[in-house]
Amino acid sequence: MIDDKDKQIINAVEESIKELLIDFKNSPHIFWTEEDVRSYLYHLLISNDFFKKNTPLYKREVFREKLSSGKTLLVHTETKYEGKKEDITIFELKEELDEIKNVDFYVLIGIEIKFNRKNPSSGKSNILDDIKSLKDHEQGYIVWLNWDRPIDTDILKDVKKTVEKSKNIKLFYYDAYSERLS
């Protein structure tokens, strides 16, 4: 069940994703790889005012102090758990943690990033599998950015249809290639 703190986290995530889309639209050439996109979104997330206030990254001294007190960051990349791997995972906000190794973390949000610079037809099952894996979270996001190749419209329709069926998943999509052609 999503509470007020969870809603604040969701708002901060969506603000960061929208900021990424604006930056990508203005300068798609600065992103050469999916890893560039993931790193940049991670930067936007931990720089967001909400996460700065609620995680130990806003000051180096506080970071060290909170790490020694057992607190952890909310935002992580390339998280592996329960046989799954996600590009970015955001955990539920906890006030205090006893010891990190003895904590059962609750994943609030999962984010999967798709960055098409290769043949987009090879990614159909991949992106649909990612949507299915995000259904287990309170909120999931597919961030799909395209730079230099046309997107197969059938794949895009399938993805949009699958996302629409899911009440807890949102698609953020921008196609710089098609935008340049219109």
N, C-alpha and C. Protein backbone atom coordinates (compact mmCIF):
# COMPACT_ATOMS: atom_id res chain seq x y z
N MET A 1 0.84 -1.19 0.00
CA MET A 1 0.00 0.00 0.00
C MET A 1 0.89 1.25 0.00
N ILE A 2 0.58 2.18 -0.86
CA ILE A 2 1.38 3.39 -1.00
C ILE A 2 0.94 4.42 0.02
N ASP A 3 1.88 4.86 0.86
CA ASP A 3 1.58 5.90 1.86
C ASP A 3 2.13 7.25 1.37
N ASP A 4 2.05 8.28 2.22
CA ASP A 4 2.48 9.63 1.81
C ASP A 4 3.97 9.69 1.49
N LYS A 5 4.80 9.00 2.27
CA LYS A 5 6.25 9.00 1.98
C LYS A 5 6.52 8.33 0.64
N ASP A 6 5.81 7.23 0.38
CA ASP A 6 5.97 6.55 -0.90
C ASP A 6 5.58 7.47 -2.06
N LYS A 7 4.50 8.22 -1.89
CA LYS A 7 4.07 9.17 -2.92
C LYS A 7 5.14 10.23 -3.17
N GLN A 8 5.82 10.67 -2.11
CA GLN A 8 6.91 11.64 -2.27
C GLN A 8 8.06 11.03 -3.07
N ILE A 9 8.35 9.77 -2.80
CA ILE A 9 9.41 9.08 -3.54
C ILE A 9 9.01 8.96 -5.01
N ILE A 10 7.79 8.55 -5.26
CA ILE A 10 7.29 8.40 -6.64
C ILE A 10 7.36 9.74 -7.37
N ASN A 11 6.95 10.82 -6.72
CA ASN A 11 7.02 12.15 -7.34
C ASN A 11 8.46 12.54 -7.67
N ALA A 12 9.38 12.25 -6.75
CA ALA A 12 10.79 12.57 -6.98
C ALA A 12 11.34 11.77 -8.16
N VAL A 13 10.95 10.51 -8.26
CA VAL A 13 11.40 9.67 -9.37
C VAL A 13 10.86 10.20 -10.69
N GLU A 14 9.58 10.52 -10.72
CA GLU A 14 8.99 11.01 -11.97
C GLU A 14 9.57 12.37 -12.37
N GLU A 15 9.86 13.23 -11.42
CA GLU A 15 10.53 14.51 -11.72
C GLU A 15 11.89 14.25 -12.38
N SER A 16 12.63 13.30 -11.83
CA SER A 16 13.96 12.99 -12.35
C SER A 16 13.89 12.39 -13.75
N ILE A 17 12.93 11.50 -13.97
CA ILE A 17 12.78 10.89 -15.30
C ILE A 17 12.40 11.97 -16.32
N LYS A 18 11.50 12.86 -15.95
CA LYS A 18 11.09 13.94 -16.87
C LYS A 18 12.27 14.85 -17.18
N GLU A 19 13.11 15.10 -16.18
CA GLU A 19 14.31 15.92 -16.41
C GLU A 19 15.26 15.21 -17.38
N LEU A 20 15.41 13.90 -17.23
CA LEU A 20 16.22 13.11 -18.16
C LEU A 20 15.68 13.23 -19.58
N LEU A 21 14.37 13.11 -19.74
CA LEU A 21 13.77 13.21 -21.07
C LEU A 21 14.02 14.58 -21.70
N ILE A 22 13.92 15.63 -20.92
CA ILE A 22 14.19 16.97 -21.44
C ILE A 22 15.64 17.09 -21.88
N ASP A 23 16.55 16.61 -21.05
CA ASP A 23 17.98 16.68 -21.39
C ASP A 23 18.30 15.82 -22.61
N PHE A 24 17.68 14.65 -22.70
CA PHE A 24 17.88 13.78 -23.85
C PHE A 24 17.35 14.44 -25.12
N LYS A 25 16.17 15.04 -25.01
CA LYS A 25 15.59 15.70 -26.18
C LYS A 25 16.48 16.85 -26.66
N ASN A 26 17.05 17.61 -25.72
CA ASN A 26 17.90 18.74 -26.07
C ASN A 26 19.28 18.32 -26.57
N SER A 27 19.82 17.23 -26.05
CA SER A 27 21.18 16.81 -26.42
C SER A 27 21.31 15.29 -26.43
N PRO A 28 20.65 14.62 -27.35
CA PRO A 28 20.71 13.15 -27.33
C PRO A 28 22.11 12.60 -27.57
N HIS A 29 22.94 13.37 -28.26
CA HIS A 29 24.28 12.90 -28.61
C HIS A 29 25.21 12.73 -27.40
N ILE A 30 24.86 13.27 -26.24
CA ILE A 30 25.74 13.10 -25.07
C ILE A 30 25.59 11.70 -24.45
N PHE A 31 24.54 10.99 -24.84
CA PHE A 31 24.32 9.64 -24.32
C PHE A 31 24.73 8.62 -25.38
N TRP A 32 25.85 7.97 -25.17
CA TRP A 32 26.34 7.00 -26.15
C TRP A 32 25.88 5.58 -25.84
N THR A 33 25.61 5.30 -24.56
CA THR A 33 25.26 3.94 -24.17
C THR A 33 24.11 3.96 -23.16
N GLU A 34 23.52 2.80 -22.98
CA GLU A 34 22.49 2.67 -21.94
C GLU A 34 23.09 2.96 -20.56
N GLU A 35 24.34 2.60 -20.36
CA GLU A 35 25.00 2.87 -19.09
C GLU A 35 25.11 4.37 -18.83
N ASP A 36 25.33 5.16 -19.90
CA ASP A 36 25.34 6.62 -19.76
C ASP A 36 23.99 7.11 -19.27
N VAL A 37 22.92 6.59 -19.85
CA VAL A 37 21.57 6.99 -19.45
C VAL A 37 21.32 6.60 -18.00
N ARG A 38 21.66 5.37 -17.64
CA ARG A 38 21.46 4.88 -16.27
C ARG A 38 22.24 5.74 -15.27
N SER A 39 23.49 6.03 -15.59
CA SER A 39 24.31 6.85 -14.69
C SER A 39 23.74 8.25 -14.53
N TYR A 40 23.29 8.81 -15.62
CA TYR A 40 22.74 10.16 -15.58
C TYR A 40 21.43 10.19 -14.78
N LEU A 41 20.57 9.19 -14.98
CA LEU A 41 19.33 9.13 -14.20
C LEU A 41 19.64 8.92 -12.72
N TYR A 42 20.62 8.09 -12.42
CA TYR A 42 21.03 7.91 -11.02
C TYR A 42 21.47 9.25 -10.43
N HIS A 43 22.28 9.98 -11.17
CA HIS A 43 22.72 11.30 -10.72
C HIS A 43 21.52 12.23 -10.46
N LEU A 44 20.57 12.24 -11.39
CA LEU A 44 19.39 13.09 -11.21
C LEU A 44 18.60 12.67 -9.98
N LEU A 45 18.47 11.38 -9.76
CA LEU A 45 17.72 10.89 -8.60
C LEU A 45 18.37 11.30 -7.29
N ILE A 46 19.66 11.02 -7.14
CA ILE A 46 20.30 11.33 -5.85
C ILE A 46 20.52 12.82 -5.66
N SER A 47 20.39 13.60 -6.76
CA SER A 47 20.49 15.05 -6.66
C SER A 47 19.12 15.70 -6.42
N ASN A 48 18.06 14.93 -6.55
CA ASN A 48 16.71 15.44 -6.32
C ASN A 48 16.57 15.87 -4.86
N ASP A 49 15.90 16.97 -4.62
CA ASP A 49 15.78 17.50 -3.26
C ASP A 49 15.23 16.48 -2.27
N PHE A 50 14.25 15.70 -2.67
CA PHE A 50 13.69 14.71 -1.75
C PHE A 50 14.75 13.70 -1.32
N PHE A 51 15.49 13.15 -2.30
CA PHE A 51 16.49 12.14 -1.97
C PHE A 51 17.66 12.75 -1.22
N LYS A 52 18.00 14.00 -1.52
CA LYS A 52 19.09 14.66 -0.78
C LYS A 52 18.73 14.79 0.69
N LYS A 53 17.47 15.06 0.99
CA LYS A 53 17.05 15.22 2.38
C LYS A 53 16.88 13.89 3.09
N ASN A 54 16.66 12.83 2.35
CA ASN A 54 16.33 11.55 2.96
C ASN A 54 17.37 10.46 2.74
N THR A 55 18.51 10.82 2.18
CA THR A 55 19.61 9.86 2.06
C THR A 55 20.89 10.57 2.47
N PRO A 56 21.92 9.82 2.79
CA PRO A 56 23.14 10.44 3.32
C PRO A 56 24.10 11.01 2.29
N LEU A 57 23.67 11.29 1.08
CA LEU A 57 24.62 11.76 0.08
C LEU A 57 24.76 13.27 -0.01
N TYR A 58 24.01 14.02 0.76
CA TYR A 58 24.06 15.46 0.55
C TYR A 58 25.29 16.13 1.15
N LYS A 59 25.95 15.53 2.14
CA LYS A 59 27.21 16.05 2.66
C LYS A 59 28.12 14.87 2.97
N ARG A 60 29.36 15.02 2.65
CA ARG A 60 30.29 13.90 2.84
C ARG A 60 30.38 13.47 4.31
N GLU A 61 30.43 14.44 5.24
CA GLU A 61 30.54 14.09 6.66
C GLU A 61 29.30 13.34 7.13
N VAL A 62 28.14 13.82 6.69
CA VAL A 62 26.89 13.16 7.07
C VAL A 62 26.82 11.78 6.43
N PHE A 63 27.31 11.64 5.22
CA PHE A 63 27.34 10.36 4.53
C PHE A 63 28.09 9.34 5.38
N ARG A 64 29.29 9.70 5.84
CA ARG A 64 30.09 8.77 6.66
C ARG A 64 29.39 8.45 7.97
N GLU A 65 28.81 9.47 8.59
CA GLU A 65 28.13 9.27 9.87
C GLU A 65 26.93 8.33 9.71
N LYS A 66 26.13 8.55 8.69
CA LYS A 66 24.94 7.73 8.51
C LYS A 66 25.30 6.31 8.10
N LEU A 67 26.36 6.14 7.32
CA LEU A 67 26.77 4.79 6.97
C LEU A 67 27.18 4.01 8.21
N SER A 68 27.87 4.67 9.12
CA SER A 68 28.29 3.97 10.32
C SER A 68 27.10 3.70 11.25
N SER A 69 26.00 4.46 11.09
CA SER A 69 24.83 4.22 11.93
C SER A 69 23.91 3.15 11.33
N GLY A 70 24.25 2.60 10.16
CA GLY A 70 23.46 1.52 9.58
C GLY A 70 22.45 1.97 8.55
N LYS A 71 22.41 3.24 8.22
CA LYS A 71 21.47 3.67 7.19
C LYS A 71 22.03 3.34 5.82
N THR A 72 21.16 3.25 4.87
CA THR A 72 21.58 2.96 3.51
C THR A 72 20.93 3.95 2.56
N LEU A 73 21.40 3.97 1.34
CA LEU A 73 20.82 4.81 0.31
C LEU A 73 19.52 4.17 -0.18
N LEU A 74 18.62 5.00 -0.67
CA LEU A 74 17.37 4.47 -1.22
C LEU A 74 17.52 4.03 -2.67
N VAL A 75 18.43 4.66 -3.40
CA VAL A 75 18.56 4.45 -4.84
C VAL A 75 19.79 3.60 -5.13
N HIS A 76 19.60 2.54 -5.90
CA HIS A 76 20.71 1.65 -6.27
C HIS A 76 20.59 1.28 -7.74
N THR A 77 21.73 1.02 -8.38
CA THR A 77 21.72 0.59 -9.78
C THR A 77 22.19 -0.86 -9.88
N GLU A 78 21.74 -1.50 -10.97
CA GLU A 78 22.13 -2.89 -11.25
C GLU A 78 21.90 -3.79 -10.04
N THR A 79 20.75 -3.64 -9.43
CA THR A 79 20.41 -4.41 -8.24
C THR A 79 19.98 -5.82 -8.63
N LYS A 80 20.54 -6.81 -7.94
CA LYS A 80 20.18 -8.20 -8.17
C LYS A 80 19.52 -8.75 -6.91
N TYR A 81 18.33 -9.31 -7.08
CA TYR A 81 17.63 -9.94 -5.96
C TYR A 81 16.57 -10.86 -6.52
N GLU A 82 16.25 -11.90 -5.76
CA GLU A 82 15.23 -12.87 -6.15
C GLU A 82 15.37 -13.32 -7.61
N GLY A 83 16.58 -13.50 -8.07
CA GLY A 83 16.82 -13.96 -9.42
C GLY A 83 16.59 -12.92 -10.51
N LYS A 84 16.36 -11.67 -10.12
CA LYS A 84 16.12 -10.59 -11.09
C LYS A 84 17.23 -9.56 -11.00
N LYS A 85 17.36 -8.79 -12.06
CA LYS A 85 18.28 -7.66 -12.07
C LYS A 85 17.55 -6.47 -12.67
N GLU A 86 17.65 -5.32 -12.02
CA GLU A 86 17.01 -4.12 -12.53
C GLU A 86 18.04 -3.03 -12.72
N ASP A 87 17.77 -2.15 -13.69
CA ASP A 87 18.69 -1.03 -13.94
C ASP A 87 18.78 -0.12 -12.73
N ILE A 88 17.63 0.29 -12.20
CA ILE A 88 17.62 1.13 -11.00
C ILE A 88 16.52 0.62 -10.08
N THR A 89 16.85 0.50 -8.81
CA THR A 89 15.91 0.05 -7.79
C THR A 89 15.84 1.10 -6.70
N ILE A 90 14.63 1.38 -6.23
CA ILE A 90 14.45 2.34 -5.15
C ILE A 90 13.71 1.64 -4.03
N PHE A 91 14.33 1.64 -2.86
CA PHE A 91 13.79 0.95 -1.72
C PHE A 91 12.87 1.85 -0.92
N GLU A 92 12.02 1.22 -0.14
CA GLU A 92 11.11 1.94 0.74
C GLU A 92 11.92 2.75 1.74
N LEU A 93 11.42 3.91 2.11
CA LEU A 93 12.10 4.78 3.07
C LEU A 93 11.96 4.21 4.48
N LYS A 94 13.09 3.96 5.13
CA LYS A 94 13.11 3.48 6.51
C LYS A 94 13.79 4.55 7.34
N GLU A 95 13.27 4.79 8.52
CA GLU A 95 13.88 5.81 9.38
C GLU A 95 15.24 5.34 9.88
N GLU A 96 15.34 4.15 10.41
CA GLU A 96 16.59 3.59 10.92
C GLU A 96 16.65 2.12 10.56
N LEU A 97 17.82 1.65 10.34
CA LEU A 97 18.03 0.23 10.09
C LEU A 97 18.99 -0.28 11.16
N ASP A 98 18.72 -1.47 11.66
CA ASP A 98 19.61 -2.03 12.66
C ASP A 98 20.97 -2.32 12.04
N GLU A 99 21.05 -3.37 11.30
CA GLU A 99 22.25 -3.68 10.54
C GLU A 99 21.83 -4.03 9.14
N ILE A 100 22.56 -3.51 8.18
CA ILE A 100 22.17 -3.72 6.78
C ILE A 100 22.06 -5.21 6.46
N LYS A 101 22.95 -6.02 6.98
CA LYS A 101 22.93 -7.43 6.62
C LYS A 101 21.72 -8.18 7.19
N ASN A 102 21.05 -7.62 8.20
CA ASN A 102 19.90 -8.28 8.81
C ASN A 102 18.56 -7.65 8.42
N VAL A 103 18.57 -6.84 7.38
CA VAL A 103 17.36 -6.14 6.99
C VAL A 103 16.74 -6.80 5.77
N ASP A 104 15.43 -6.91 5.80
CA ASP A 104 14.69 -7.40 4.65
C ASP A 104 14.17 -6.17 3.91
N PHE A 105 14.82 -5.82 2.80
CA PHE A 105 14.46 -4.61 2.08
C PHE A 105 13.20 -4.82 1.25
N TYR A 106 12.39 -3.78 1.19
CA TYR A 106 11.20 -3.78 0.37
C TYR A 106 11.44 -2.88 -0.83
N VAL A 107 11.35 -3.45 -2.02
CA VAL A 107 11.56 -2.67 -3.23
C VAL A 107 10.26 -1.95 -3.56
N LEU A 108 10.31 -0.64 -3.53
CA LEU A 108 9.14 0.18 -3.82
C LEU A 108 9.01 0.41 -5.33
N ILE A 109 10.14 0.76 -5.98
CA ILE A 109 10.12 1.15 -7.38
C ILE A 109 11.23 0.43 -8.15
N GLY A 110 10.90 -0.04 -9.32
CA GLY A 110 11.89 -0.58 -10.24
C GLY A 110 11.87 0.22 -11.53
N ILE A 111 13.04 0.46 -12.09
CA ILE A 111 13.15 1.20 -13.34
C ILE A 111 13.99 0.39 -14.32
N GLU A 112 13.46 0.22 -15.50
CA GLU A 112 14.21 -0.43 -16.57
C GLU A 112 14.43 0.59 -17.68
N ILE A 113 15.65 0.65 -18.18
CA ILE A 113 16.03 1.62 -19.21
C ILE A 113 16.29 0.87 -20.51
N LYS A 114 15.72 1.39 -21.57
CA LYS A 114 15.97 0.86 -22.91
C LYS A 114 16.52 2.01 -23.74
N PHE A 115 17.66 1.77 -24.33
CA PHE A 115 18.34 2.78 -25.13
C PHE A 115 18.67 2.15 -26.46
N ASN A 116 17.95 2.53 -27.51
CA ASN A 116 18.07 1.85 -28.79
C ASN A 116 19.06 2.55 -29.70
N ARG A 117 20.21 1.96 -29.81
CA ARG A 117 21.19 2.39 -30.81
C ARG A 117 21.48 1.24 -31.75
N LYS A 118 21.01 0.07 -31.40
CA LYS A 118 21.21 -1.11 -32.24
C LYS A 118 19.88 -1.46 -32.89
N ASN A 119 19.80 -2.60 -33.48
CA ASN A 119 18.57 -3.03 -34.13
C ASN A 119 17.45 -3.15 -33.10
N PRO A 120 16.42 -2.29 -33.18
CA PRO A 120 15.37 -2.32 -32.16
C PRO A 120 14.53 -3.58 -32.20
N SER A 121 14.51 -4.28 -33.32
CA SER A 121 13.67 -5.49 -33.38
C SER A 121 14.21 -6.59 -32.47
N SER A 122 15.47 -6.50 -32.08
CA SER A 122 16.02 -7.53 -31.19
C SER A 122 15.59 -7.31 -29.74
N GLY A 123 14.97 -6.19 -29.44
CA GLY A 123 14.64 -5.88 -28.05
C GLY A 123 13.22 -6.14 -27.64
N LYS A 124 12.35 -6.63 -28.53
CA LYS A 124 10.94 -6.77 -28.20
C LYS A 124 10.71 -7.65 -26.99
N SER A 125 11.21 -8.86 -27.00
CA SER A 125 10.95 -9.76 -25.87
C SER A 125 11.63 -9.21 -24.62
N ASN A 126 12.76 -8.60 -24.79
CA ASN A 126 13.47 -8.04 -23.66
C ASN A 126 12.64 -6.99 -22.92
N ILE A 127 12.08 -6.06 -23.65
CA ILE A 127 11.32 -4.98 -23.01
C ILE A 127 10.00 -5.51 -22.44
N LEU A 128 9.37 -6.46 -23.10
CA LEU A 128 8.15 -7.04 -22.55
C LEU A 128 8.45 -7.84 -21.29
N ASP A 129 9.58 -8.53 -21.26
CA ASP A 129 9.99 -9.24 -20.04
C ASP A 129 10.24 -8.26 -18.90
N ASP A 130 10.85 -7.13 -19.23
CA ASP A 130 11.10 -6.10 -18.21
C ASP A 130 9.79 -5.58 -17.63
N ILE A 131 8.80 -5.38 -18.46
CA ILE A 131 7.50 -4.90 -17.97
C ILE A 131 6.90 -5.93 -17.01
N LYS A 132 6.98 -7.20 -17.37
CA LYS A 132 6.45 -8.26 -16.50
C LYS A 132 7.17 -8.27 -15.16
N SER A 133 8.49 -8.10 -15.18
CA SER A 133 9.25 -8.14 -13.92
C SER A 133 8.93 -6.95 -13.01
N LEU A 134 8.51 -5.84 -13.58
CA LEU A 134 8.20 -4.65 -12.78
C LEU A 134 6.82 -4.72 -12.12
N LYS A 135 5.98 -5.64 -12.55
CA LYS A 135 4.63 -5.73 -12.01
C LYS A 135 4.60 -6.05 -10.52
N ASP A 136 5.67 -6.63 -9.99
CA ASP A 136 5.70 -7.01 -8.58
C ASP A 136 5.91 -5.83 -7.65
N HIS A 137 6.28 -4.68 -8.18
CA HIS A 137 6.55 -3.51 -7.35
C HIS A 137 5.32 -2.63 -7.21
N GLU A 138 5.37 -1.75 -6.21
CA GLU A 138 4.29 -0.78 -6.08
C GLU A 138 4.22 0.09 -7.33
N GLN A 139 5.40 0.46 -7.86
CA GLN A 139 5.46 1.30 -9.06
C GLN A 139 6.64 0.87 -9.90
N GLY A 140 6.45 0.81 -11.20
CA GLY A 140 7.52 0.47 -12.12
C GLY A 140 7.56 1.45 -13.28
N TYR A 141 8.74 1.63 -13.84
CA TYR A 141 8.91 2.56 -14.95
C TYR A 141 9.76 1.91 -16.05
N ILE A 142 9.31 2.10 -17.28
CA ILE A 142 10.12 1.78 -18.44
C ILE A 142 10.53 3.13 -19.02
N VAL A 143 11.83 3.38 -19.11
CA VAL A 143 12.35 4.60 -19.73
C VAL A 143 12.99 4.16 -21.04
N TRP A 144 12.35 4.53 -22.15
CA TRP A 144 12.77 4.06 -23.47
C TRP A 144 13.16 5.27 -24.30
N LEU A 145 14.44 5.36 -24.60
CA LEU A 145 14.97 6.47 -25.38
C LEU A 145 15.58 5.93 -26.67
N ASN A 146 15.28 6.61 -27.76
CA ASN A 146 15.82 6.20 -29.05
C ASN A 146 16.55 7.37 -29.67
N TRP A 147 17.72 7.08 -30.22
CA TRP A 147 18.54 8.16 -30.75
C TRP A 147 18.72 8.08 -32.26
N ASP A 148 19.26 6.97 -32.75
CA ASP A 148 19.71 7.00 -34.14
C ASP A 148 19.15 5.91 -35.06
N ARG A 149 18.11 5.21 -34.65
CA ARG A 149 17.52 4.17 -35.49
C ARG A 149 16.00 4.26 -35.41
N PRO A 150 15.33 3.91 -36.48
CA PRO A 150 13.86 3.92 -36.41
C PRO A 150 13.37 2.80 -35.47
N ILE A 151 12.31 3.10 -34.75
CA ILE A 151 11.70 2.12 -33.86
C ILE A 151 10.62 1.38 -34.63
N ASP A 152 10.55 0.09 -34.46
CA ASP A 152 9.51 -0.72 -35.06
C ASP A 152 8.18 -0.33 -34.40
N THR A 153 7.25 0.18 -35.18
CA THR A 153 5.99 0.66 -34.60
C THR A 153 5.16 -0.47 -34.00
N ASP A 154 5.31 -1.69 -34.50
CA ASP A 154 4.59 -2.82 -33.91
C ASP A 154 5.11 -3.11 -32.50
N ILE A 155 6.42 -3.03 -32.32
CA ILE A 155 6.99 -3.23 -30.98
C ILE A 155 6.49 -2.14 -30.04
N LEU A 156 6.51 -0.91 -30.50
CA LEU A 156 6.03 0.20 -29.67
C LEU A 156 4.57 0.01 -29.28
N LYS A 157 3.72 -0.42 -30.22
CA LYS A 157 2.30 -0.67 -29.92
C LYS A 157 2.16 -1.77 -28.87
N ASP A 158 2.92 -2.87 -29.03
CA ASP A 158 2.87 -3.97 -28.05
C ASP A 158 3.27 -3.49 -26.66
N VAL A 159 4.33 -2.69 -26.61
CA VAL A 159 4.80 -2.19 -25.33
C VAL A 159 3.75 -1.28 -24.69
N LYS A 160 3.22 -0.35 -25.47
CA LYS A 160 2.19 0.57 -24.93
C LYS A 160 0.97 -0.20 -24.44
N LYS A 161 0.54 -1.21 -25.21
CA LYS A 161 -0.63 -2.01 -24.82
C LYS A 161 -0.35 -2.77 -23.52
N THR A 162 0.82 -3.35 -23.40
CA THR A 162 1.18 -4.10 -22.19
C THR A 162 1.26 -3.18 -20.98
N VAL A 163 1.83 -2.00 -21.16
CA VAL A 163 1.92 -1.03 -20.05
C VAL A 163 0.53 -0.56 -19.64
N GLU A 164 -0.35 -0.30 -20.60
CA GLU A 164 -1.71 0.15 -20.29
C GLU A 164 -2.47 -0.87 -19.45
N LYS A 165 -2.21 -2.15 -19.66
CA LYS A 165 -2.86 -3.21 -18.89
C LYS A 165 -2.38 -3.24 -17.44
N SER A 166 -1.20 -2.71 -17.21
CA SER A 166 -0.61 -2.71 -15.87
C SER A 166 -0.96 -1.41 -15.17
N LYS A 167 -1.52 -1.50 -14.01
CA LYS A 167 -1.92 -0.29 -13.28
C LYS A 167 -0.75 0.38 -12.58
N ASN A 168 0.34 -0.34 -12.41
CA ASN A 168 1.46 0.20 -11.63
C ASN A 168 2.72 0.46 -12.46
N ILE A 169 2.60 0.47 -13.78
CA ILE A 169 3.78 0.70 -14.62
C ILE A 169 3.51 1.87 -15.56
N LYS A 170 4.51 2.72 -15.71
CA LYS A 170 4.42 3.85 -16.62
C LYS A 170 5.55 3.76 -17.64
N LEU A 171 5.24 4.20 -18.85
CA LEU A 171 6.22 4.26 -19.93
C LEU A 171 6.59 5.71 -20.17
N PHE A 172 7.88 6.00 -20.13
CA PHE A 172 8.41 7.29 -20.53
C PHE A 172 9.23 7.03 -21.78
N TYR A 173 8.79 7.59 -22.91
CA TYR A 173 9.36 7.25 -24.20
C TYR A 173 9.67 8.53 -24.97
N TYR A 174 10.84 8.53 -25.59
CA TYR A 174 11.17 9.63 -26.48
C TYR A 174 11.99 9.09 -27.65
N ASP A 175 11.59 9.45 -28.87
CA ASP A 175 12.24 8.97 -30.07
C ASP A 175 12.86 10.16 -30.80
N ALA A 176 14.13 10.41 -30.56
CA ALA A 176 14.84 11.53 -31.19
C ALA A 176 15.00 11.31 -32.69
N TYR A 177 15.09 10.06 -33.12
CA TYR A 177 15.26 9.76 -34.53
C TYR A 177 14.04 10.22 -35.33
N SER A 178 12.87 9.80 -34.92
CA SER A 178 11.64 10.18 -35.62
C SER A 178 11.37 11.67 -35.51
N GLU A 179 11.71 12.26 -34.38
CA GLU A 179 11.52 13.69 -34.18
C GLU A 179 12.33 14.48 -35.21
N ARG A 180 13.55 14.03 -35.49
CA ARG A 180 14.41 14.72 -36.46
C ARG A 180 13.82 14.64 -37.87
N LEU A 181 13.10 13.55 -38.15
CA LEU A 181 12.58 13.35 -39.50
C LEU A 181 11.28 14.11 -39.75
N SER A 182 10.59 14.49 -38.71
CA SER A 182 9.29 15.14 -38.92
C SER A 182 9.40 16.64 -39.07
